[in-house]
Amino acid sequence: MVALKLHRIGDEIGVVLPKEALAALGLGEGDVVYMSERPNGAPAVLIETQHQSQLEAARAIMQRRRDVLRVLAQ
């Protein structure tokens, strides 16, 4: 587990990730990450940029095919 400290960066609050955390996540300067909160109130989860477009496509398909997925789930 890595402890992260919040820092004031201009008018906002930011988190500085240690080099070890960046390496473990495969991230570097200029990369974009998205935060997503889980419905059960669990802490927010970092999602790597490369998977974001896949998640958006899956959500769109699930929204369009909601009735089919509901039947398949039974």
N, C-alpha and C. Protein backbone atom coordinates (compact mmCIF):
# COMPACT_ATOMS: atom_id res chain seq x y z
N MET A 1 0.85 -1.16 0.00
CA MET A 1 0.00 0.00 0.00
C MET A 1 0.90 1.23 0.00
N VAL A 2 0.50 2.22 -0.78
CA VAL A 2 1.25 3.47 -0.88
C VAL A 2 0.41 4.58 -0.29
N ALA A 3 0.98 5.36 0.62
CA ALA A 3 0.27 6.51 1.19
C ALA A 3 0.46 7.69 0.26
N LEU A 4 -0.63 8.39 -0.06
CA LEU A 4 -0.59 9.55 -0.93
C LEU A 4 -0.99 10.78 -0.14
N LYS A 5 -0.23 11.85 -0.29
CA LYS A 5 -0.52 13.09 0.42
C LYS A 5 -1.12 14.10 -0.55
N LEU A 6 -2.16 14.80 -0.12
CA LEU A 6 -2.79 15.82 -0.93
C LEU A 6 -2.00 17.12 -0.83
N HIS A 7 -1.80 17.78 -1.97
CA HIS A 7 -1.05 19.04 -2.03
C HIS A 7 -1.89 20.09 -2.74
N ARG A 8 -1.72 21.34 -2.32
CA ARG A 8 -2.35 22.44 -3.03
C ARG A 8 -1.52 22.73 -4.27
N ILE A 9 -2.20 22.74 -5.43
CA ILE A 9 -1.56 23.05 -6.71
C ILE A 9 -2.39 24.17 -7.32
N GLY A 10 -1.93 25.40 -7.14
CA GLY A 10 -2.72 26.54 -7.59
C GLY A 10 -3.98 26.64 -6.76
N ASP A 11 -5.14 26.68 -7.43
CA ASP A 11 -6.43 26.77 -6.73
C ASP A 11 -7.04 25.40 -6.48
N GLU A 12 -6.32 24.34 -6.80
CA GLU A 12 -6.88 23.00 -6.68
C GLU A 12 -6.03 22.16 -5.75
N ILE A 13 -6.54 20.98 -5.44
CA ILE A 13 -5.83 20.01 -4.61
C ILE A 13 -5.44 18.84 -5.50
N GLY A 14 -4.20 18.40 -5.40
CA GLY A 14 -3.73 17.31 -6.23
C GLY A 14 -2.99 16.26 -5.42
N VAL A 15 -2.76 15.14 -6.05
CA VAL A 15 -2.02 14.04 -5.45
C VAL A 15 -0.74 13.85 -6.25
N VAL A 16 0.36 13.75 -5.56
CA VAL A 16 1.63 13.47 -6.22
C VAL A 16 1.90 11.98 -6.08
N LEU A 17 2.03 11.30 -7.22
CA LEU A 17 2.29 9.85 -7.20
C LEU A 17 3.79 9.59 -7.18
N PRO A 18 4.25 8.75 -6.27
CA PRO A 18 5.67 8.40 -6.25
C PRO A 18 6.06 7.65 -7.52
N LYS A 19 7.36 7.68 -7.84
CA LYS A 19 7.86 7.00 -9.04
C LYS A 19 7.49 5.53 -9.05
N GLU A 20 7.53 4.89 -7.89
CA GLU A 20 7.21 3.47 -7.81
C GLU A 20 5.75 3.22 -8.19
N ALA A 21 4.85 4.09 -7.75
CA ALA A 21 3.43 3.93 -8.08
C ALA A 21 3.20 4.15 -9.57
N LEU A 22 3.86 5.16 -10.14
CA LEU A 22 3.74 5.40 -11.58
C LEU A 22 4.23 4.21 -12.38
N ALA A 23 5.34 3.64 -11.96
CA ALA A 23 5.89 2.48 -12.66
C ALA A 23 4.94 1.29 -12.56
N ALA A 24 4.38 1.07 -11.38
CA ALA A 24 3.46 -0.06 -11.19
C ALA A 24 2.20 0.09 -12.04
N LEU A 25 1.74 1.34 -12.22
CA LEU A 25 0.55 1.60 -13.03
C LEU A 25 0.86 1.73 -14.51
N GLY A 26 2.13 1.82 -14.84
CA GLY A 26 2.52 2.00 -16.24
C GLY A 26 2.17 3.40 -16.74
N LEU A 27 2.22 4.38 -15.85
CA LEU A 27 1.86 5.74 -16.22
C LEU A 27 3.07 6.65 -16.19
N GLY A 28 2.97 7.75 -16.92
CA GLY A 28 4.04 8.73 -16.95
C GLY A 28 3.47 10.12 -17.15
N GLU A 29 4.34 11.10 -17.18
CA GLU A 29 3.91 12.48 -17.34
C GLU A 29 3.11 12.65 -18.63
N GLY A 30 1.99 13.34 -18.53
CA GLY A 30 1.15 13.57 -19.70
C GLY A 30 0.06 12.54 -19.91
N ASP A 31 0.16 11.38 -19.25
CA ASP A 31 -0.90 10.37 -19.36
C ASP A 31 -2.16 10.88 -18.68
N VAL A 32 -3.30 10.41 -19.15
CA VAL A 32 -4.59 10.80 -18.58
C VAL A 32 -5.20 9.58 -17.90
N VAL A 33 -5.71 9.77 -16.70
CA VAL A 33 -6.42 8.71 -16.00
C VAL A 33 -7.80 9.23 -15.64
N TYR A 34 -8.74 8.33 -15.49
CA TYR A 34 -10.12 8.67 -15.16
C TYR A 34 -10.45 8.07 -13.81
N MET A 35 -11.28 8.74 -13.06
CA MET A 35 -11.71 8.21 -11.78
C MET A 35 -13.16 7.80 -11.89
N SER A 36 -13.48 6.65 -11.31
CA SER A 36 -14.83 6.11 -11.36
C SER A 36 -15.21 5.66 -9.97
N GLU A 37 -16.37 6.08 -9.50
CA GLU A 37 -16.83 5.64 -8.18
C GLU A 37 -17.71 4.41 -8.34
N ARG A 38 -17.56 3.47 -7.44
CA ARG A 38 -18.37 2.26 -7.47
C ARG A 38 -19.70 2.53 -6.80
N PRO A 39 -20.77 1.90 -7.28
CA PRO A 39 -22.11 2.13 -6.72
C PRO A 39 -22.22 1.80 -5.24
N ASN A 40 -21.40 0.87 -4.75
CA ASN A 40 -21.51 0.45 -3.34
C ASN A 40 -20.77 1.39 -2.39
N GLY A 41 -20.29 2.52 -2.92
CA GLY A 41 -19.62 3.50 -2.06
C GLY A 41 -18.15 3.20 -1.84
N ALA A 42 -17.60 2.21 -2.51
CA ALA A 42 -16.19 1.89 -2.38
C ALA A 42 -15.36 3.07 -2.89
N PRO A 43 -14.13 3.16 -2.46
CA PRO A 43 -13.28 4.26 -2.93
C PRO A 43 -13.19 4.30 -4.45
N ALA A 44 -12.93 5.48 -4.97
CA ALA A 44 -12.80 5.65 -6.41
C ALA A 44 -11.66 4.79 -6.94
N VAL A 45 -11.78 4.38 -8.18
CA VAL A 45 -10.81 3.48 -8.79
C VAL A 45 -10.17 4.18 -9.98
N LEU A 46 -8.87 4.07 -10.12
CA LEU A 46 -8.19 4.61 -11.29
C LEU A 46 -8.36 3.66 -12.45
N ILE A 47 -8.70 4.19 -13.59
CA ILE A 47 -8.85 3.38 -14.80
C ILE A 47 -7.82 3.85 -15.80
N GLU A 48 -7.02 2.94 -16.31
CA GLU A 48 -6.01 3.33 -17.28
C GLU A 48 -6.65 3.83 -18.56
N THR A 49 -6.00 4.79 -19.17
CA THR A 49 -6.52 5.44 -20.36
C THR A 49 -6.83 4.46 -21.48
N GLN A 50 -5.97 3.47 -21.69
CA GLN A 50 -6.14 2.56 -22.82
C GLN A 50 -7.43 1.75 -22.72
N HIS A 51 -7.96 1.58 -21.52
CA HIS A 51 -9.18 0.80 -21.36
C HIS A 51 -10.44 1.66 -21.36
N GLN A 52 -10.28 2.98 -21.27
CA GLN A 52 -11.43 3.87 -21.16
C GLN A 52 -12.35 3.76 -22.37
N SER A 53 -11.80 3.75 -23.58
CA SER A 53 -12.66 3.67 -24.77
C SER A 53 -13.39 2.33 -24.83
N GLN A 54 -12.76 1.26 -24.37
CA GLN A 54 -13.42 -0.03 -24.34
C GLN A 54 -14.58 -0.03 -23.34
N LEU A 55 -14.37 0.60 -22.19
CA LEU A 55 -15.43 0.69 -21.20
C LEU A 55 -16.60 1.51 -21.71
N GLU A 56 -16.32 2.61 -22.38
CA GLU A 56 -17.39 3.44 -22.92
C GLU A 56 -18.19 2.69 -23.99
N ALA A 57 -17.50 1.93 -24.83
CA ALA A 57 -18.19 1.13 -25.85
C ALA A 57 -19.06 0.06 -25.19
N ALA A 58 -18.54 -0.60 -24.17
CA ALA A 58 -19.31 -1.64 -23.48
C ALA A 58 -20.55 -1.04 -22.81
N ARG A 59 -20.40 0.12 -22.19
CA ARG A 59 -21.56 0.77 -21.56
C ARG A 59 -22.62 1.12 -22.59
N ALA A 60 -22.21 1.61 -23.75
CA ALA A 60 -23.17 1.96 -24.80
C ALA A 60 -23.92 0.73 -25.29
N ILE A 61 -23.20 -0.37 -25.47
CA ILE A 61 -23.84 -1.62 -25.92
C ILE A 61 -24.81 -2.12 -24.86
N MET A 62 -24.38 -2.09 -23.60
CA MET A 62 -25.25 -2.56 -22.52
C MET A 62 -26.51 -1.70 -22.42
N GLN A 63 -26.37 -0.41 -22.65
CA GLN A 63 -27.54 0.47 -22.61
C GLN A 63 -28.51 0.16 -23.75
N ARG A 64 -27.95 -0.03 -24.97
CA ARG A 64 -28.79 -0.33 -26.13
C ARG A 64 -29.45 -1.69 -26.03
N ARG A 65 -28.77 -2.65 -25.49
CA ARG A 65 -29.25 -4.05 -25.44
C ARG A 65 -29.69 -4.46 -24.05
N ARG A 66 -30.18 -3.53 -23.27
CA ARG A 66 -30.58 -3.80 -21.89
C ARG A 66 -31.59 -4.94 -21.80
N ASP A 67 -32.61 -4.94 -22.68
CA ASP A 67 -33.64 -5.98 -22.64
C ASP A 67 -33.06 -7.36 -22.91
N VAL A 68 -32.18 -7.47 -23.89
CA VAL A 68 -31.56 -8.75 -24.22
C VAL A 68 -30.71 -9.23 -23.05
N LEU A 69 -29.94 -8.35 -22.44
CA LEU A 69 -29.10 -8.74 -21.32
C LEU A 69 -29.93 -9.16 -20.12
N ARG A 70 -31.07 -8.53 -19.91
CA ARG A 70 -31.96 -8.89 -18.82
C ARG A 70 -32.48 -10.32 -19.00
N VAL A 71 -32.87 -10.66 -20.24
CA VAL A 71 -33.35 -12.03 -20.52
C VAL A 71 -32.22 -13.04 -20.35
N LEU A 72 -31.04 -12.71 -20.82
CA LEU A 72 -29.90 -13.63 -20.70
C LEU A 72 -29.49 -13.86 -19.24
N ALA A 73 -29.74 -12.87 -18.40
CA ALA A 73 -29.35 -12.98 -17.00
C ALA A 73 -30.24 -13.91 -16.20
N GLN A 74 -31.40 -14.28 -16.76
CA GLN A 74 -32.34 -15.14 -16.02
C GLN A 74 -31.93 -16.58 -16.06
